[in-house]
Protein backbone atom coordinates (compact mmCIF):
# COMPACT_ATOMS: atom_id res chain seq x y z
CA MET A 1 111.06 72.53 46.14
CA GLY A 2 113.82 74.25 47.78
CA ILE A 3 113.00 75.85 51.11
CA ASP A 4 114.00 79.69 50.89
CA PRO A 5 114.87 81.00 54.45
CA SER A 6 112.83 84.14 53.63
CA GLY A 7 110.02 82.11 51.62
CA ASP A 8 106.40 81.72 52.58
CA VAL A 9 105.40 80.29 55.82
CA ILE A 10 101.81 79.51 56.41
CA VAL A 11 100.65 78.99 60.11
CA VAL A 12 97.60 76.85 60.17
CA GLY A 13 95.75 77.86 63.71
CA GLY A 14 95.05 81.65 65.06
CA GLY A 15 94.89 80.76 68.75
CA VAL A 16 97.87 81.94 71.43
CA ILE A 17 99.98 79.09 69.84
CA GLY A 18 99.55 80.12 66.42
CA LEU A 19 99.57 83.94 66.71
CA THR A 20 102.65 83.79 69.01
CA THR A 21 104.63 81.60 66.40
CA ALA A 22 103.63 83.84 63.77
CA VAL A 23 104.88 86.71 65.47
CA VAL A 24 108.54 84.99 66.31
CA LEU A 25 108.63 83.81 62.62
CA ALA A 26 107.80 87.41 61.12
CA GLU A 27 110.09 89.08 63.44
CA SER A 28 112.95 86.52 62.38
CA GLY A 29 112.40 87.77 58.57
CA ARG A 30 110.07 85.08 57.31
CA ARG A 31 106.86 86.21 55.35
CA VAL A 32 104.05 84.67 57.14
CA ARG A 33 100.37 84.04 56.84
CA VAL A 34 97.99 82.80 59.28
CA TRP A 35 95.04 80.76 58.38
CA THR A 36 92.54 80.00 61.12
CA ARG A 37 89.33 78.48 61.26
CA GLU A 38 87.69 80.63 63.72
CA PRO A 39 88.83 84.34 64.52
CA ALA A 40 91.25 84.72 67.61
CA GLU A 41 87.95 85.92 69.92
CA ARG A 42 86.46 82.66 69.04
CA THR A 43 89.22 79.99 69.82
CA THR A 44 89.91 78.31 72.71
CA SER A 45 92.55 80.62 73.81
CA ALA A 46 89.98 83.43 74.18
CA VAL A 47 88.38 81.50 77.06
CA ALA A 48 91.76 80.54 79.03
CA GLY A 49 91.93 81.40 82.60
CA ALA A 50 95.50 82.19 81.36
CA LEU A 51 97.67 82.35 84.60
CA TRP A 52 101.25 81.45 83.64
CA TRP A 53 101.96 77.84 85.52
CA PRO A 54 102.42 74.57 83.80
CA HIS A 55 99.08 72.69 83.96
CA LEU A 56 98.25 69.67 82.16
CA ILE A 57 101.00 69.53 79.93
CA ARG A 58 103.74 66.90 79.19
CA PRO A 59 106.86 66.30 79.07
CA LYS A 60 107.42 68.24 82.52
CA ALA A 61 111.01 68.96 81.89
CA LEU A 62 110.32 70.45 78.51
CA ALA A 63 107.04 72.26 79.47
CA ARG A 64 109.33 74.27 82.17
CA HIS A 65 111.97 74.98 79.76
CA TRP A 66 109.55 76.45 77.36
CA ALA A 67 107.59 78.04 80.40
CA LEU A 68 110.33 79.94 81.60
CA GLN A 69 111.22 81.38 78.31
CA SER A 70 107.71 82.80 78.18
CA LEU A 71 107.76 84.07 81.71
CA SER A 72 110.69 86.42 80.69
CA VAL A 73 108.46 87.63 77.82
CA TYR A 74 105.45 88.16 79.95
CA GLU A 75 107.70 89.90 82.52
CA GLU A 76 108.53 92.41 80.07
CA LEU A 77 104.98 92.87 78.58
CA ALA A 78 103.52 93.35 81.86
CA ALA A 79 105.08 96.84 81.81
CA ARG A 80 102.25 97.64 79.20
CA PRO A 81 99.30 95.60 80.96
CA GLU A 82 96.46 97.81 78.97
CA GLU A 83 98.08 97.26 75.47
CA THR A 84 99.41 93.73 75.85
CA GLY A 85 96.66 92.06 78.56
CA VAL A 86 99.51 91.02 80.72
CA ARG A 87 99.77 91.81 84.37
CA MET A 88 102.07 90.25 87.18
CA VAL A 89 99.43 89.14 89.86
CA GLU A 90 100.19 87.93 93.39
CA GLY A 91 98.17 84.76 94.69
CA VAL A 92 98.42 81.19 96.07
CA LEU A 93 98.85 77.98 94.49
CA GLY A 94 97.03 75.70 96.51
CA GLU A 95 98.25 72.15 97.61
CA SER A 96 101.62 73.00 96.47
CA ARG A 97 105.33 72.88 98.30
CA LEU A 98 108.43 74.17 97.31
CA ASP A 99 110.41 71.04 97.92
CA GLU A 100 107.69 69.45 95.32
CA GLN A 101 108.36 71.94 92.63
CA GLY A 102 112.38 71.96 92.66
CA PRO A 103 114.56 74.32 91.65
CA TRP A 104 113.20 75.15 88.39
CA ALA A 105 110.39 77.39 89.95
CA ALA A 106 112.36 78.40 93.06
CA ALA A 107 115.19 79.90 91.36
CA ARG A 108 113.33 81.97 88.97
CA VAL A 109 109.53 82.91 89.76
CA PRO A 110 109.49 86.03 91.61
CA GLY A 111 108.42 85.82 95.39
CA LEU A 112 107.94 82.36 95.28
CA ARG A 113 107.39 81.20 98.90
CA ALA A 114 105.12 78.98 101.29
CA SER A 115 101.74 80.89 101.78
CA THR A 116 100.84 81.58 105.29
CA ALA A 117 97.76 80.55 107.26
CA GLU A 118 96.09 84.14 106.61
CA GLU A 119 96.60 83.65 102.81
CA TYR A 120 95.50 80.19 102.50
CA ALA A 121 94.19 77.65 104.88
CA GLY A 122 95.77 74.72 103.42
CA THR A 123 99.50 74.04 102.16
CA GLY A 124 100.21 76.48 99.37
CA LEU A 125 102.73 78.65 97.37
CA TRP A 126 102.35 82.31 97.15
CA ALA A 127 103.83 83.61 93.77
CA ARG A 128 103.79 86.63 91.66
CA LEU A 129 102.64 85.69 88.26
CA PRO A 130 101.81 86.47 84.94
CA LEU A 131 98.04 86.69 84.51
CA LEU A 132 96.51 87.53 80.85
CA ASP A 133 93.48 89.13 79.83
CA MET A 134 93.21 86.93 76.71
CA PRO A 135 90.78 89.14 74.67
CA VAL A 136 93.20 91.80 75.08
CA HIS A 137 96.39 89.50 74.51
CA LEU A 138 95.29 87.99 71.34
CA ARG A 139 94.27 91.32 69.95
CA TRP A 140 97.93 92.43 70.87
CA LEU A 141 99.22 89.43 69.15
CA ARG A 142 97.47 89.96 65.86
CA GLU A 143 98.56 93.54 65.80
CA ARG A 144 102.31 92.85 66.75
CA PHE A 145 102.34 90.33 63.84
CA LEU A 146 100.92 92.45 61.11
CA ARG A 147 103.36 95.35 62.26
CA ALA A 148 106.41 93.14 61.94
CA SER A 149 105.08 91.90 58.65
CA GLU A 150 104.46 95.08 57.31
CA ALA A 151 107.62 96.63 58.01
CA ARG A 152 109.38 93.86 56.34
CA TRP A 153 107.12 92.99 53.51
CA GLY A 154 104.75 95.67 52.97
CA SER A 155 101.02 95.67 53.02
CA PRO A 156 99.41 92.18 52.63
CA ARG A 157 97.28 93.70 49.62
CA THR A 158 100.40 94.22 47.76
CA LYS A 159 101.65 91.45 45.52
CA SER A 160 104.80 91.09 47.45
CA GLY A 161 103.08 91.71 50.63
CA GLY A 162 103.65 89.97 53.99
CA GLY A 163 101.37 89.13 57.18
CA ALA A 164 97.63 88.43 56.64
CA VAL A 165 95.12 86.78 58.97
CA GLU A 166 92.84 84.84 56.95
CA VAL A 167 89.73 82.88 58.43
CA ARG A 168 89.95 79.99 56.21
CA LEU A 169 88.77 76.27 56.77
CA VAL A 170 91.77 73.53 56.45
CA THR A 171 90.35 70.20 55.91
CA ASP A 172 93.84 68.66 54.88
CA LEU A 173 97.36 69.83 55.63
CA ALA A 174 98.64 68.70 52.02
CA GLU A 175 96.25 71.68 50.41
CA VAL A 176 98.58 74.09 52.30
CA ALA A 177 100.57 75.28 49.25
CA ALA A 178 103.75 76.96 51.05
CA PRO A 179 107.31 75.90 51.16
CA VAL A 180 106.79 75.68 55.23
CA VAL A 181 103.52 74.84 56.87
CA VAL A 182 103.11 75.14 60.50
CA ASN A 183 100.51 73.09 62.16
CA CYS A 184 99.27 74.91 65.23
CA THR A 185 95.63 73.55 65.32
CA GLY A 186 95.41 72.39 68.83
CA LEU A 187 92.26 69.87 69.37
CA GLY A 188 91.70 70.23 65.43
CA ALA A 189 95.00 68.43 64.82
CA ARG A 190 92.92 65.10 65.85
CA GLU A 191 91.19 65.12 62.65
CA LEU A 192 93.46 67.30 60.38
CA VAL A 193 96.81 65.06 60.78
CA PRO A 194 95.07 62.83 61.89
CA ASP A 195 96.25 62.33 65.49
CA PRO A 196 94.09 60.16 67.70
CA ALA A 197 96.36 60.94 70.68
CA VAL A 198 94.90 64.86 71.05
CA ARG A 199 91.99 64.64 73.24
CA PRO A 200 89.71 67.16 74.62
CA VAL A 201 89.72 67.95 78.45
CA ARG A 202 86.94 70.38 79.06
CA GLY A 203 87.02 73.46 81.22
CA GLN A 204 83.83 75.52 82.47
CA LEU A 205 84.31 79.04 83.64
CA VAL A 206 81.86 81.62 85.17
CA ILE A 207 82.40 85.26 84.73
CA VAL A 208 81.42 87.46 87.44
CA GLU A 209 81.69 90.86 88.62
CA ASN A 210 84.82 91.53 90.45
CA PRO A 211 83.77 92.31 94.35
CA GLY A 212 87.06 93.68 95.17
CA VAL A 213 89.29 90.34 94.80
CA THR A 214 92.79 91.39 93.91
CA THR A 215 94.72 88.11 94.00
CA TRP A 216 94.27 84.66 92.55
CA LEU A 217 93.99 81.33 93.83
CA THR A 218 94.08 77.77 92.91
CA SER A 219 93.12 74.86 95.22
CA THR A 220 92.44 71.29 94.38
CA ASP A 221 90.38 69.01 96.87
CA SER A 222 92.11 66.02 97.76
CA ASP A 223 89.23 63.88 97.89
CA THR A 224 87.33 64.67 95.13
CA GLY A 225 89.89 65.99 92.78
CA ASN A 226 87.94 69.13 92.12
CA SER A 227 90.07 72.11 90.94
CA THR A 228 88.66 75.47 92.23
CA TYR A 229 90.19 78.75 91.08
CA PHE A 230 89.75 82.41 90.81
CA PHE A 231 91.56 85.00 88.44
CA PRO A 232 90.97 88.85 89.06
CA HIS A 233 90.66 91.28 86.42
CA ALA A 234 89.62 95.06 86.77
CA ASP A 235 86.28 94.52 85.57
CA ARG A 236 85.64 90.72 86.22
CA LEU A 237 86.50 87.86 88.05
CA VAL A 238 87.11 84.56 86.10
CA LEU A 239 85.85 81.43 88.50
CA GLY A 240 86.41 77.74 87.59
CA GLY A 241 86.60 75.18 87.19
CA THR A 242 86.38 71.62 85.48
CA ALA A 243 88.63 69.12 83.91
CA ASP A 244 86.34 66.61 82.15
CA GLU A 245 88.20 64.38 79.82
CA ASP A 246 86.82 63.36 76.39
CA ASN A 247 84.20 65.77 76.97
CA TRP A 248 83.31 67.60 73.74
CA SER A 249 80.40 69.66 74.88
CA LEU A 250 80.56 73.46 74.40
CA THR A 251 77.43 74.16 76.37
CA PRO A 252 77.64 75.41 79.95
CA ASP A 253 75.78 73.33 82.41
CA PRO A 254 73.87 75.39 84.92
CA ALA A 255 74.34 72.95 87.48
CA VAL A 256 78.32 72.86 86.98
CA ALA A 257 78.22 76.66 87.16
CA ALA A 258 76.41 76.86 90.43
CA GLU A 259 78.71 74.42 91.80
CA ILE A 260 81.69 76.50 90.76
CA VAL A 261 80.54 79.60 92.38
CA LYS A 262 79.58 77.80 95.68
CA ARG A 263 83.27 76.39 95.59
CA CYS A 264 84.88 79.74 94.88
CA ALA A 265 82.67 81.34 97.49
CA ALA A 266 83.68 78.89 100.22
CA LEU A 267 87.27 80.38 99.75
CA ARG A 268 85.97 84.24 99.20
CA PRO A 269 82.70 84.80 100.86
CA GLU A 270 82.30 87.80 98.90
CA ILE A 271 82.10 85.99 95.48
CA ALA A 272 78.88 84.65 96.50
CA GLY A 273 76.82 87.52 95.95
CA ALA A 274 78.78 88.77 92.59
CA ARG A 275 76.57 89.32 89.64
CA VAL A 276 77.09 86.63 86.97
CA LEU A 277 78.17 88.32 83.83
CA GLY A 278 78.46 85.23 81.63
CA HIS A 279 79.39 81.71 81.19
CA ARG A 280 82.47 80.04 79.26
CA VAL A 281 83.41 76.65 77.94
CA GLY A 282 87.02 75.65 76.36
CA LEU A 283 88.24 72.46 75.20
CA ARG A 284 91.99 72.06 76.31
CA PRO A 285 94.02 70.23 73.62
CA VAL A 286 95.45 67.50 75.90
CA ARG A 287 98.21 64.83 74.47
CA ASP A 288 100.83 62.54 76.34
CA THR A 289 103.23 64.80 75.15
CA VAL A 290 103.62 68.28 73.33
CA ARG A 291 104.18 67.35 69.52
CA LEU A 292 106.77 69.96 68.47
CA GLU A 293 108.95 68.38 65.59
CA ARG A 294 109.82 69.17 62.06
CA GLU A 295 108.37 66.76 59.47
CA PRO A 296 109.91 66.76 56.05
CA LEU A 297 107.31 66.13 53.27
CA PRO A 298 107.72 64.16 49.86
CA ASP A 299 107.44 67.12 47.67
CA GLY A 300 110.34 68.84 49.57
CA ARG A 301 107.89 71.04 51.53
CA VAL A 302 108.39 71.38 55.39
CA LEU A 303 105.79 70.65 57.98
CA VAL A 304 106.39 71.62 61.88
CA HIS A 305 103.91 70.48 64.24
CA ASN A 306 103.26 72.63 67.57
CA TYR A 307 100.32 71.33 69.05
CA GLY A 308 99.31 69.39 72.20
CA HIS A 309 99.92 71.93 74.99
CA GLY A 310 96.58 70.79 77.17
CA GLY A 311 95.97 73.61 79.72
CA ALA A 312 99.25 75.34 79.09
CA GLY A 313 99.40 77.29 75.88
CA VAL A 314 99.48 80.54 77.20
CA THR A 315 102.26 79.39 79.68
CA VAL A 316 104.45 78.02 77.04
CA ALA A 317 103.87 80.10 73.81
CA TRP A 318 106.97 81.95 73.32
CA GLY A 319 109.42 78.98 74.09
CA CYS A 320 107.40 77.04 71.83
CA ALA A 321 107.42 79.61 69.24
CA ARG A 322 110.74 80.10 69.24
CA GLU A 323 111.62 76.42 68.93
CA THR A 324 109.28 76.03 66.02
CA ALA A 325 110.99 78.90 64.23
CA ALA A 326 114.16 77.25 64.84
CA LEU A 327 112.88 74.07 63.21
CA ALA A 328 111.06 75.83 60.36
CA SER A 329 114.42 77.49 59.24
CA ARG A 330 116.61 74.65 59.80
């Protein structure tokens, strides 16, 4: 089967990686459909803390390259925060130093500098970074994808129509009958490929009413390794977190939640009295290295893998999507 550059592409996976990839492919002129096991609002992406910064992702050099491409996009999207869910927000990266980060960050991240003692008691970096409201952003990605598809191919309801997002369980990539298949299944790739190198790193969050916090903070305890962070939104504050390797549980642990609130309140006392709105758990799809590669299939079709982004799916989404689109059209 020959590969027509404008032919059908099916993206399997409807989280931030899958939807961003579908947008880039559709806007390049491809006729794209998205098959997703869960609606976007029920994916791991929907519960992400979603601060732009490479976290739990390798290889570092490539991750930084993809991250900087994504940063340029998010800076543009931040001009329309209510529509896109993206804002540029200031805060402190605790236990970080400029000389450790190297020129990749210092030359490009706006306002990056050493934090003051008033901003953070330990060593840290002050930065203005993209912070995403993921439910809003995922809806915006889906609508942008659908608009791009309909502008080129018409309504998905017509015979020649383009984009559609279908809730559809895929148990074998071989059953996806399209000239180009793009695998953006995250942790699902462990069974679907199968790829046992993909494993979960569980993250638990507590959502509270925002008591007036306007800056974000990430901090790591050098003794215990515990990561503590809070990310402010207009109507809520996202508190974290955990990084439990090979833990598949999606059930919030009340004791862990109480400890998260306690650690965050130690950094910002007003958090202690904030009303709890909910609890979230997500499983980060961690892999020794991101798998982003083209795999020609025996029947002439092409399979492009784009998964294993760990805790940095939002951070690298646009850079990885562009590379994926190039591989799909090569």
